[in-house]
Protein backbone atom coordinates (compact mmCIF):
# COMPACT_ATOMS: atom_id res chain seq x y z
CA MET A 1 236.09 -82.80 159.14
CA SER A 2 235.27 -84.07 162.59
CA LEU A 3 232.18 -82.51 164.12
CA ALA A 4 233.83 -81.65 167.47
CA PRO A 5 236.32 -79.05 166.17
CA LEU A 6 233.73 -77.66 163.76
CA LEU A 7 231.32 -77.02 166.65
CA ALA A 8 234.09 -75.77 168.94
CA ASP A 9 235.04 -73.12 166.38
CA ALA A 10 231.39 -72.15 165.95
CA ARG A 11 231.04 -71.70 169.70
CA ARG A 12 234.24 -69.65 169.91
CA GLN A 13 233.30 -67.45 166.97
CA GLY A 14 229.59 -67.16 167.83
CA TYR A 15 227.95 -68.73 164.79
CA ALA A 16 225.66 -71.69 164.13
CA VAL A 17 226.38 -74.73 161.98
CA GLY A 18 223.48 -76.08 159.96
CA ALA A 19 222.87 -79.82 159.82
CA PHE A 20 221.00 -80.89 156.72
CA SER A 21 219.26 -84.21 156.19
CA CYS A 22 220.51 -85.89 153.09
CA LEU A 23 218.77 -88.54 150.99
CA ASN A 24 221.34 -89.36 148.33
CA LEU A 25 224.49 -88.18 146.56
CA GLU A 26 222.61 -85.50 144.63
CA THR A 27 221.29 -84.00 147.86
CA ALA A 28 224.81 -84.11 149.33
CA ALA A 29 226.14 -82.26 146.29
CA GLY A 30 223.48 -79.59 146.78
CA ILE A 31 224.41 -79.18 150.44
CA VAL A 32 228.09 -78.86 149.55
CA ALA A 33 227.34 -76.31 146.81
CA ALA A 34 225.14 -74.23 149.11
CA ALA A 35 227.75 -74.31 151.90
CA GLN A 36 230.41 -73.12 149.47
CA ASP A 37 228.18 -70.39 148.04
CA LEU A 38 227.44 -69.12 151.55
CA ARG A 39 231.00 -69.68 152.79
CA ALA A 40 229.48 -71.57 155.72
CA PRO A 41 230.38 -74.88 157.36
CA ALA A 42 227.71 -77.58 157.33
CA VAL A 43 226.85 -81.03 158.57
CA ILE A 44 225.70 -83.54 155.96
CA ALA A 45 223.41 -85.88 157.90
CA PHE A 46 222.07 -89.26 156.86
CA THR A 47 219.51 -91.13 158.90
CA ALA A 48 220.49 -94.62 160.00
CA ARG A 49 217.44 -95.94 158.14
CA HIS A 50 219.53 -95.52 154.98
CA ALA A 51 221.63 -98.49 156.09
CA ALA A 52 218.77 -100.80 155.12
CA TRP A 53 218.97 -99.91 151.42
CA VAL A 54 222.24 -98.02 150.87
CA ASN A 55 225.83 -99.21 150.99
CA LEU A 56 227.05 -96.88 153.78
CA PRO A 57 230.77 -97.29 153.03
CA ALA A 58 230.24 -96.46 149.34
CA LEU A 59 227.99 -93.52 150.20
CA ALA A 60 230.48 -92.20 152.76
CA ALA A 61 233.33 -92.46 150.25
CA ALA A 62 231.37 -90.51 147.64
CA VAL A 63 230.31 -87.79 150.09
CA ARG A 64 233.83 -87.53 151.54
CA SER A 65 235.10 -87.04 147.99
CA LEU A 66 232.67 -84.14 147.49
CA ALA A 67 233.63 -82.65 150.86
CA ALA A 68 237.36 -82.93 150.15
CA ARG A 69 236.97 -80.63 147.14
CA ALA A 70 235.05 -78.03 149.14
CA ASP A 71 236.77 -75.04 150.66
CA VAL A 72 234.50 -74.92 153.73
CA PRO A 73 234.43 -77.33 156.68
CA LEU A 74 231.95 -80.18 156.25
CA ALA A 75 231.12 -83.03 158.60
CA LEU A 76 229.46 -86.33 157.70
CA HIS A 77 226.93 -87.41 160.34
CA LEU A 78 224.84 -90.56 160.81
CA ASP A 79 221.70 -89.72 162.76
CA HIS A 80 219.55 -91.91 165.03
CA ALA A 81 221.40 -95.21 164.75
CA LYS A 82 219.64 -97.82 166.88
CA GLU A 83 221.93 -100.75 166.16
CA THR A 84 225.57 -100.94 167.19
CA ALA A 85 226.44 -102.73 163.94
CA VAL A 86 225.25 -99.70 161.95
CA VAL A 87 227.27 -97.38 164.22
CA GLU A 88 230.40 -99.49 163.68
CA THR A 89 229.87 -99.61 159.91
CA ALA A 90 229.43 -95.83 159.77
CA MET A 91 232.54 -95.18 161.86
CA GLU A 92 234.63 -97.57 159.76
CA ALA A 93 233.26 -95.91 156.61
CA GLY A 94 234.46 -92.48 157.69
CA PHE A 95 231.39 -90.81 159.13
CA THR A 96 232.84 -88.10 161.37
CA SER A 97 229.90 -88.10 163.76
CA VAL A 98 227.34 -90.70 164.83
CA MET A 99 224.31 -90.31 167.10
CA PHE A 100 223.24 -93.51 168.83
CA ASP A 101 219.52 -93.51 169.61
CA GLY A 102 218.83 -95.59 172.70
CA SER A 103 215.24 -94.38 173.09
CA GLY A 104 213.88 -97.87 172.46
CA LEU A 105 216.04 -99.48 175.13
CA PRO A 106 214.75 -100.24 178.62
CA TYR A 107 215.43 -97.48 181.14
CA ALA A 108 217.00 -99.61 183.85
């Protein structure tokens, strides 16, 4: 699910949505299971540093498969991407949210 409607519903209904840092498919499965047990939406977040050693498209496909079987809203987020190529790869792979980190760029 896209992050925007998930957060819009949370705002409307007055609840929070947890975002949980994920290291691998096993962690993602644990997040999905906990979200289902609690009947709560969640954000499965990977740091952009994963792009150096993980195949993002394959990882996204596996996590999307887990999320598709869940009966609660789940978003797939890439956090702190500092390179536009990583952002593009994540978006093409089906990440529903990406945070670009421009903190290392010059101010002006």
